[in-house]
PDB file of N, CA and C in Angstrom:
ATOM      1  N   UNK A   1      27.465 -23.990   0.480  1.00  0.00           N
ATOM      2  CA  UNK A   1      26.510 -24.536  -0.464  1.00  0.00           C
ATOM      3  C   UNK A   1      25.804 -23.378  -1.156  1.00  0.00           C
ATOM      4  N   UNK A   2      25.386 -23.592  -2.395  1.00  0.00           N
ATOM      5  CA  UNK A   2      24.708 -22.549  -3.154  1.00  0.00           C
ATOM      6  C   UNK A   2      23.200 -22.784  -3.157  1.00  0.00           C
ATOM      7  N   UNK A   3      22.458 -21.717  -2.840  1.00  0.00           N
ATOM      8  CA  UNK A   3      21.005 -21.743  -2.815  1.00  0.00           C
ATOM      9  C   UNK A   3      20.511 -20.604  -3.699  1.00  0.00           C
ATOM     10  N   UNK A   4      19.529 -20.880  -4.542  1.00  0.00           N
ATOM     11  CA  UNK A   4      18.880 -19.820  -5.306  1.00  0.00           C
ATOM     12  C   UNK A   4      17.653 -19.381  -4.524  1.00  0.00           C
ATOM     13  N   UNK A   5      17.579 -18.088  -4.244  1.00  0.00           N
ATOM     14  CA  UNK A   5      16.460 -17.518  -3.494  1.00  0.00           C
ATOM     15  C   UNK A   5      15.632 -16.677  -4.455  1.00  0.00           C
ATOM     16  N   UNK A   6      14.330 -16.961  -4.500  1.00  0.00           N
ATOM     17  CA  UNK A   6      13.401 -16.192  -5.324  1.00  0.00           C
ATOM     18  C   UNK A   6      12.413 -15.493  -4.397  1.00  0.00           C
ATOM     19  N   UNK A   7      12.277 -14.195  -4.587  1.00  0.00           N
ATOM     20  CA  UNK A   7      11.359 -13.398  -3.780  1.00  0.00           C
ATOM     21  C   UNK A   7      10.203 -12.926  -4.649  1.00  0.00           C
ATOM     22  N   UNK A   8       9.026 -12.857  -4.059  1.00  0.00           N
ATOM     23  CA  UNK A   8       7.841 -12.455  -4.800  1.00  0.00           C
ATOM     24  C   UNK A   8       7.139 -11.298  -4.107  1.00  0.00           C
ATOM     25  N   UNK A   9       6.381 -10.551  -4.904  1.00  0.00           N
ATOM     26  CA  UNK A   9       5.562  -9.425  -4.442  1.00  0.00           C
ATOM     27  C   UNK A   9       6.412  -8.398  -3.691  1.00  0.00           C
ATOM     28  N   UNK A  10       5.933  -7.959  -2.556  1.00  0.00           N
ATOM     29  CA  UNK A  10       6.586  -6.883  -1.798  1.00  0.00           C
ATOM     30  C   UNK A  10       7.967  -7.278  -1.273  1.00  0.00           C
ATOM     31  N   UNK A  11       8.252  -8.559  -1.177  1.00  0.00           N
ATOM     32  CA  UNK A  11       9.572  -8.986  -0.694  1.00  0.00           C
ATOM     33  C   UNK A  11      10.689  -8.530  -1.630  1.00  0.00           C
ATOM     34  N   UNK A  12      10.364  -8.256  -2.889  1.00  0.00           N
ATOM     35  CA  UNK A  12      11.378  -7.829  -3.859  1.00  0.00           C
ATOM     36  C   UNK A  12      11.816  -6.378  -3.659  1.00  0.00           C
ATOM     37  N   UNK A  13      10.972  -5.572  -3.071  1.00  0.00           N
ATOM     38  CA  UNK A  13      11.266  -4.138  -2.948  1.00  0.00           C
ATOM     39  C   UNK A  13      12.523  -3.938  -2.112  1.00  0.00           C
ATOM     40  N   UNK A  14      13.512  -3.300  -2.730  1.00  0.00           N
ATOM     41  CA  UNK A  14      14.778  -3.036  -2.057  1.00  0.00           C
ATOM     42  C   UNK A  14      15.676  -4.257  -1.926  1.00  0.00           C
ATOM     43  N   UNK A  15      15.266  -5.370  -2.522  1.00  0.00           N
ATOM     44  CA  UNK A  15      16.061  -6.592  -2.448  1.00  0.00           C
ATOM     45  C   UNK A  15      16.400  -7.059  -3.861  1.00  0.00           C
ATOM     46  N   UNK A  16      15.780  -8.125  -4.297  1.00  0.00           N
ATOM     47  CA  UNK A  16      16.042  -8.712  -5.613  1.00  0.00           C
ATOM     48  C   UNK A  16      14.882  -9.626  -5.971  1.00  0.00           C
ATOM     49  N   UNK A  17      14.804 -10.028  -7.230  1.00  0.00           N
ATOM     50  CA  UNK A  17      13.786 -10.990  -7.661  1.00  0.00           C
ATOM     51  C   UNK A  17      14.299 -12.413  -7.481  1.00  0.00           C
ATOM     52  N   UNK A  18      15.550 -12.643  -7.890  1.00  0.00           N
ATOM     53  CA  UNK A  18      16.173 -13.964  -7.745  1.00  0.00           C
ATOM     54  C   UNK A  18      17.677 -13.773  -7.631  1.00  0.00           C
ATOM     55  N   UNK A  19      18.281 -14.594  -6.778  1.00  0.00           N
ATOM     56  CA  UNK A  19      19.723 -14.482  -6.542  1.00  0.00           C
ATOM     57  C   UNK A  19      20.255 -15.829  -6.066  1.00  0.00           C
ATOM     58  N   UNK A  20      21.392 -16.230  -6.593  1.00  0.00           N
ATOM     59  CA  UNK A  20      22.060 -17.437  -6.121  1.00  0.00           C
ATOM     60  C   UNK A  20      23.221 -16.996  -5.247  1.00  0.00           C
ATOM     61  N   UNK A  21      23.274 -17.572  -4.051  1.00  0.00           N
ATOM     62  CA  UNK A  21      24.246 -17.126  -3.054  1.00  0.00           C
ATOM     63  C   UNK A  21      24.738 -18.325  -2.248  1.00  0.00           C
ATOM     64  N   UNK A  22      25.911 -18.186  -1.668  1.00  0.00           N
ATOM     65  CA  UNK A  22      26.478 -19.246  -0.827  1.00  0.00           C
ATOM     66  C   UNK A  22      25.976 -19.090   0.609  1.00  0.00           C
ATOM     67  N   UNK A  23      25.590 -20.206   1.203  1.00  0.00           N
ATOM     68  CA  UNK A  23      25.143 -20.254   2.592  1.00  0.00           C
ATOM     69  C   UNK A  23      25.879 -21.374   3.304  1.00  0.00           C
ATOM     70  N   UNK A  24      25.915 -21.284   4.614  1.00  0.00           N
ATOM     71  CA  UNK A  24      26.546 -22.317   5.432  1.00  0.00           C
ATOM     72  C   UNK A  24      25.743 -23.615   5.338  1.00  0.00           C
ATOM     73  N   UNK A  25      26.416 -24.768   5.341  1.00  0.00           N
ATOM     74  CA  UNK A  25      25.688 -26.043   5.382  1.00  0.00           C
ATOM     75  C   UNK A  25      24.744 -26.072   6.583  1.00  0.00           C
ATOM     76  N   UNK A  26      23.562 -26.608   6.372  1.00  0.00           N
ATOM     77  CA  UNK A  26      22.580 -26.682   7.446  1.00  0.00           C
ATOM     78  C   UNK A  26      21.678 -25.469   7.535  1.00  0.00           C
ATOM     79  N   UNK A  27      21.854 -24.504   6.634  1.00  0.00           N
ATOM     80  CA  UNK A  27      20.999 -23.315   6.641  1.00  0.00           C
ATOM     81  C   UNK A  27      19.549 -23.724   6.384  1.00  0.00           C
ATOM     82  N   UNK A  28      18.631 -22.920   6.900  1.00  0.00           N
ATOM     83  CA  UNK A  28      17.201 -23.164   6.735  1.00  0.00           C
ATOM     84  C   UNK A  28      16.557 -21.953   6.059  1.00  0.00           C
ATOM     85  N   UNK A  29      15.342 -22.110   5.541  1.00  0.00           N
ATOM     86  CA  UNK A  29      14.642 -20.938   5.021  1.00  0.00           C
ATOM     87  C   UNK A  29      14.500 -19.841   6.080  1.00  0.00           C
ATOM     88  N   UNK A  30      14.296 -20.236   7.323  1.00  0.00           N
ATOM     89  CA  UNK A  30      14.192 -19.251   8.402  1.00  0.00           C
ATOM     90  C   UNK A  30      15.460 -18.434   8.560  1.00  0.00           C
ATOM     91  N   UNK A  31      16.615 -19.072   8.398  1.00  0.00           N
ATOM     92  CA  UNK A  31      17.891 -18.352   8.462  1.00  0.00           C
ATOM     93  C   UNK A  31      17.963 -17.298   7.361  1.00  0.00           C
ATOM     94  N   UNK A  32      17.533 -17.667   6.173  1.00  0.00           N
ATOM     95  CA  UNK A  32      17.594 -16.748   5.033  1.00  0.00           C
ATOM     96  C   UNK A  32      16.584 -15.617   5.210  1.00  0.00           C
ATOM     97  N   UNK A  33      15.394 -15.936   5.695  1.00  0.00           N
ATOM     98  CA  UNK A  33      14.390 -14.908   5.979  1.00  0.00           C
ATOM     99  C   UNK A  33      14.957 -13.893   6.972  1.00  0.00           C
ATOM    100  N   UNK A  34      15.613 -14.381   8.017  1.00  0.00           N
ATOM    101  CA  UNK A  34      16.221 -13.485   9.009  1.00  0.00           C
ATOM    102  C   UNK A  34      17.310 -12.629   8.382  1.00  0.00           C
ATOM    103  N   UNK A  35      18.167 -13.246   7.576  1.00  0.00           N
ATOM    104  CA  UNK A  35      19.253 -12.509   6.925  1.00  0.00           C
ATOM    105  C   UNK A  35      18.715 -11.396   6.030  1.00  0.00           C
ATOM    106  N   UNK A  36      17.585 -11.660   5.379  1.00  0.00           N
ATOM    107  CA  UNK A  36      16.973 -10.672   4.492  1.00  0.00           C
ATOM    108  C   UNK A  36      16.136  -9.644   5.254  1.00  0.00           C
ATOM    109  N   UNK A  37      16.042  -9.814   6.551  1.00  0.00           N
ATOM    110  CA  UNK A  37      15.269  -8.914   7.425  1.00  0.00           C
ATOM    111  C   UNK A  37      13.797  -8.856   7.024  1.00  0.00           C
ATOM    112  N   UNK A  38      13.280 -10.030   6.725  1.00  0.00           N
ATOM    113  CA  UNK A  38      11.853 -10.174   6.449  1.00  0.00           C
ATOM    114  C   UNK A  38      11.218 -10.719   7.728  1.00  0.00           C
ATOM    115  N   UNK A  39      10.238 -10.019   8.299  1.00  0.00           N
ATOM    116  CA  UNK A  39       9.576 -10.548   9.495  1.00  0.00           C
ATOM    117  C   UNK A  39       8.891 -11.886   9.188  1.00  0.00           C
ATOM    118  N   UNK A  40       9.161 -12.896  10.012  1.00  0.00           N
ATOM    119  CA  UNK A  40       8.585 -14.230   9.772  1.00  0.00           C
ATOM    120  C   UNK A  40       7.071 -14.191   9.660  1.00  0.00           C
ATOM    121  N   UNK A  41       6.429 -13.307  10.414  1.00  0.00           N
ATOM    122  CA  UNK A  41       4.965 -13.246  10.403  1.00  0.00           C
ATOM    123  C   UNK A  41       4.415 -12.784   9.053  1.00  0.00           C
ATOM    124  N   UNK A  42       5.282 -12.201   8.195  1.00  0.00           N
ATOM    125  CA  UNK A  42       4.854 -11.754   6.869  1.00  0.00           C
ATOM    126  C   UNK A  42       5.035 -12.826   5.793  1.00  0.00           C
ATOM    127  N   UNK A  43       5.695 -13.926   6.139  1.00  0.00           N
ATOM    128  CA  UNK A  43       5.933 -15.002   5.172  1.00  0.00           C
ATOM    129  C   UNK A  43       4.701 -15.908   5.140  1.00  0.00           C
ATOM    130  N   UNK A  44       4.091 -16.004   3.958  1.00  0.00           N
ATOM    131  CA  UNK A  44       2.884 -16.811   3.828  1.00  0.00           C
ATOM    132  C   UNK A  44       3.156 -18.202   3.285  1.00  0.00           C
ATOM    133  N   UNK A  45       3.989 -18.282   2.248  1.00  0.00           N
ATOM    134  CA  UNK A  45       4.284 -19.568   1.617  1.00  0.00           C
ATOM    135  C   UNK A  45       5.788 -19.698   1.444  1.00  0.00           C
ATOM    136  N   UNK A  46       6.303 -20.854   1.848  1.00  0.00           N
ATOM    137  CA  UNK A  46       7.715 -21.198   1.676  1.00  0.00           C
ATOM    138  C   UNK A  46       7.754 -22.424   0.775  1.00  0.00           C
ATOM    139  N   UNK A  47       8.535 -22.337  -0.295  1.00  0.00           N
ATOM    140  CA  UNK A  47       8.668 -23.485  -1.185  1.00  0.00           C
ATOM    141  C   UNK A  47      10.144 -23.774  -1.419  1.00  0.00           C
ATOM    142  N   UNK A  48      10.490 -25.049  -1.387  1.00  0.00           N
ATOM    143  CA  UNK A  48      11.842 -25.494  -1.710  1.00  0.00           C
ATOM    144  C   UNK A  48      11.716 -26.466  -2.878  1.00  0.00           C
ATOM    145  N   UNK A  49      12.364 -26.123  -3.969  1.00  0.00           N
ATOM    146  CA  UNK A  49      12.302 -26.947  -5.184  1.00  0.00           C
ATOM    147  C   UNK A  49      10.858 -27.216  -5.612  1.00  0.00           C
ATOM    148  N   UNK A  50      10.042 -26.162  -5.564  1.00  0.00           N
ATOM    149  CA  UNK A  50       8.637 -26.185  -5.997  1.00  0.00           C
ATOM    150  C   UNK A  50       7.732 -27.038  -5.116  1.00  0.00           C
ATOM    151  N   UNK A  51       8.172 -27.311  -3.884  1.00  0.00           N
ATOM    152  CA  UNK A  51       7.341 -28.057  -2.931  1.00  0.00           C
ATOM    153  C   UNK A  51       7.193 -27.237  -1.657  1.00  0.00           C
ATOM    154  N   UNK A  52       6.006 -27.307  -1.059  1.00  0.00           N
ATOM    155  CA  UNK A  52       5.789 -26.578   0.187  1.00  0.00           C
ATOM    156  C   UNK A  52       6.807 -27.016   1.228  1.00  0.00           C
ATOM    157  N   UNK A  53       7.276 -26.053   2.009  1.00  0.00           N
ATOM    158  CA  UNK A  53       8.300 -26.328   3.016  1.00  0.00           C
ATOM    159  C   UNK A  53       8.015 -25.496   4.260  1.00  0.00           C
ATOM    160  N   UNK A  54       8.775 -25.781   5.309  1.00  0.00           N
ATOM    161  CA  UNK A  54       8.675 -25.033   6.564  1.00  0.00           C
ATOM    162  C   UNK A  54       9.940 -24.215   6.757  1.00  0.00           C
ATOM    163  N   UNK A  55       9.839 -23.193   7.590  1.00  0.00           N
ATOM    164  CA  UNK A  55      10.982 -22.319   7.828  1.00  0.00           C
ATOM    165  C   UNK A  55      12.150 -23.030   8.495  1.00  0.00           C
ATOM    166  N   UNK A  56      11.890 -24.153   9.170  1.00  0.00           N
ATOM    167  CA  UNK A  56      12.975 -24.854   9.863  1.00  0.00           C
ATOM    168  C   UNK A  56      13.520 -26.051   9.074  1.00  0.00           C
ATOM    169  N   UNK A  57      13.074 -26.198   7.834  1.00  0.00           N
ATOM    170  CA  UNK A  57      13.556 -27.299   6.985  1.00  0.00           C
ATOM    171  C   UNK A  57      14.995 -27.040   6.565  1.00  0.00           C
ATOM    172  N   UNK A  58      15.815 -28.047   6.621  1.00  0.00           N
ATOM    173  CA  UNK A  58      17.214 -27.916   6.214  1.00  0.00           C
ATOM    174  C   UNK A  58      17.312 -27.820   4.694  1.00  0.00           C
ATOM    175  N   UNK A  59      18.167 -26.911   4.228  1.00  0.00           N
ATOM    176  CA  UNK A  59      18.401 -26.746   2.796  1.00  0.00           C
ATOM    177  C   UNK A  59      19.663 -27.485   2.381  1.00  0.00           C
ATOM    178  N   UNK A  60      19.731 -27.839   1.094  1.00  0.00           N
ATOM    179  CA  UNK A  60      20.884 -28.554   0.560  1.00  0.00           C
ATOM    180  C   UNK A  60      21.417 -27.831  -0.672  1.00  0.00           C
ATOM    181  N   UNK A  61      22.677 -28.098  -0.983  1.00  0.00           N
ATOM    182  CA  UNK A  61      23.332 -27.466  -2.120  1.00  0.00           C
ATOM    183  C   UNK A  61      22.490 -27.625  -3.384  1.00  0.00           C
ATOM    184  N   UNK A  62      22.275 -26.521  -4.089  1.00  0.00           N
ATOM    185  CA  UNK A  62      21.518 -26.544  -5.330  1.00  0.00           C
ATOM    186  C   UNK A  62      20.026 -26.317  -5.177  1.00  0.00           C
ATOM    187  N   UNK A  63      19.529 -26.234  -3.936  1.00  0.00           N
ATOM    188  CA  UNK A  63      18.102 -26.005  -3.720  1.00  0.00           C
ATOM    189  C   UNK A  63      17.688 -24.628  -4.222  1.00  0.00           C
ATOM    190  N   UNK A  64      16.400 -24.513  -4.550  1.00  0.00           N
ATOM    191  CA  UNK A  64      15.791 -23.229  -4.887  1.00  0.00           C
ATOM    192  C   UNK A  64      14.717 -22.943  -3.852  1.00  0.00           C
ATOM    193  N   UNK A  65      14.859 -21.810  -3.177  1.00  0.00           N
ATOM    194  CA  UNK A  65      13.919 -21.374  -2.148  1.00  0.00           C
ATOM    195  C   UNK A  65      13.076 -20.244  -2.712  1.00  0.00           C
ATOM    196  N   UNK A  66      11.760 -20.357  -2.598  1.00  0.00           N
ATOM    197  CA  UNK A  66      10.846 -19.297  -3.025  1.00  0.00           C
ATOM    198  C   UNK A  66      10.054 -18.828  -1.811  1.00  0.00           C
ATOM    199  N   UNK A  67       9.994 -17.504  -1.640  1.00  0.00           N
ATOM    200  CA  UNK A  67       9.286 -16.910  -0.506  1.00  0.00           C
ATOM    201  C   UNK A  67       8.165 -16.014  -1.013  1.00  0.00           C
ATOM    202  N   UNK A  68       6.958 -16.298  -0.541  1.00  0.00           N
ATOM    203  CA  UNK A  68       5.784 -15.536  -0.928  1.00  0.00           C
ATOM    204  C   UNK A  68       5.208 -14.845   0.298  1.00  0.00           C
ATOM    205  N   UNK A  69       4.725 -13.652   0.081  1.00  0.00           N
ATOM    206  CA  UNK A  69       4.145 -12.849   1.143  1.00  0.00           C
ATOM    207  C   UNK A  69       2.803 -13.422   1.590  1.00  0.00           C
ATOM    208  N   UNK A  70       2.488 -13.210   2.864  1.00  0.00           N
ATOM    209  CA  UNK A  70       1.181 -13.568   3.388  1.00  0.00           C
ATOM    210  C   UNK A  70       0.141 -12.716   2.677  1.00  0.00           C
ATOM    211  N   UNK A  71      -0.914 -13.343   2.204  1.00  0.00           N
ATOM    212  CA  UNK A  71      -1.949 -12.620   1.469  1.00  0.00           C
ATOM    213  C   UNK A  71      -3.212 -12.535   2.299  1.00  0.00           C
ATOM    214  N   UNK A  72      -3.905 -11.459   2.140  1.00  0.00           N
ATOM    215  CA  UNK A  72      -5.171 -11.292   2.836  1.00  0.00           C
ATOM    216  C   UNK A  72      -6.232 -10.861   1.839  1.00  0.00           C
ATOM    217  N   UNK A  73      -7.433 -10.979   2.234  1.00  0.00           N
ATOM    218  CA  UNK A  73      -8.501 -10.564   1.336  1.00  0.00           C
ATOM    219  C   UNK A  73      -9.846 -10.873   1.953  1.00  0.00           C
ATOM    220  N   UNK A  74     -10.842 -10.565   1.244  1.00  0.00           N
ATOM    221  CA  UNK A  74     -12.143 -10.800   1.818  1.00  0.00           C
ATOM    222  C   UNK A  74     -13.154 -11.085   0.822  1.00  0.00           C
TER     223      UNK A  74
END
């Protein structure tokens, strides 16, 4: 299945801004985060098709996954 992955902020460094790639059926955002070697604790917002999602949510062909870094501030 094909998934478009969009990375934001520091996640783009050494990776890409957006890429469409084939993944195994049943893949989750967590699987993709692991493949990209992004520590889960650094992931702040996960969105699938512009809706908030969880790392264990199943993805489907044609989905768009967006990963945003955890933000801090004061």
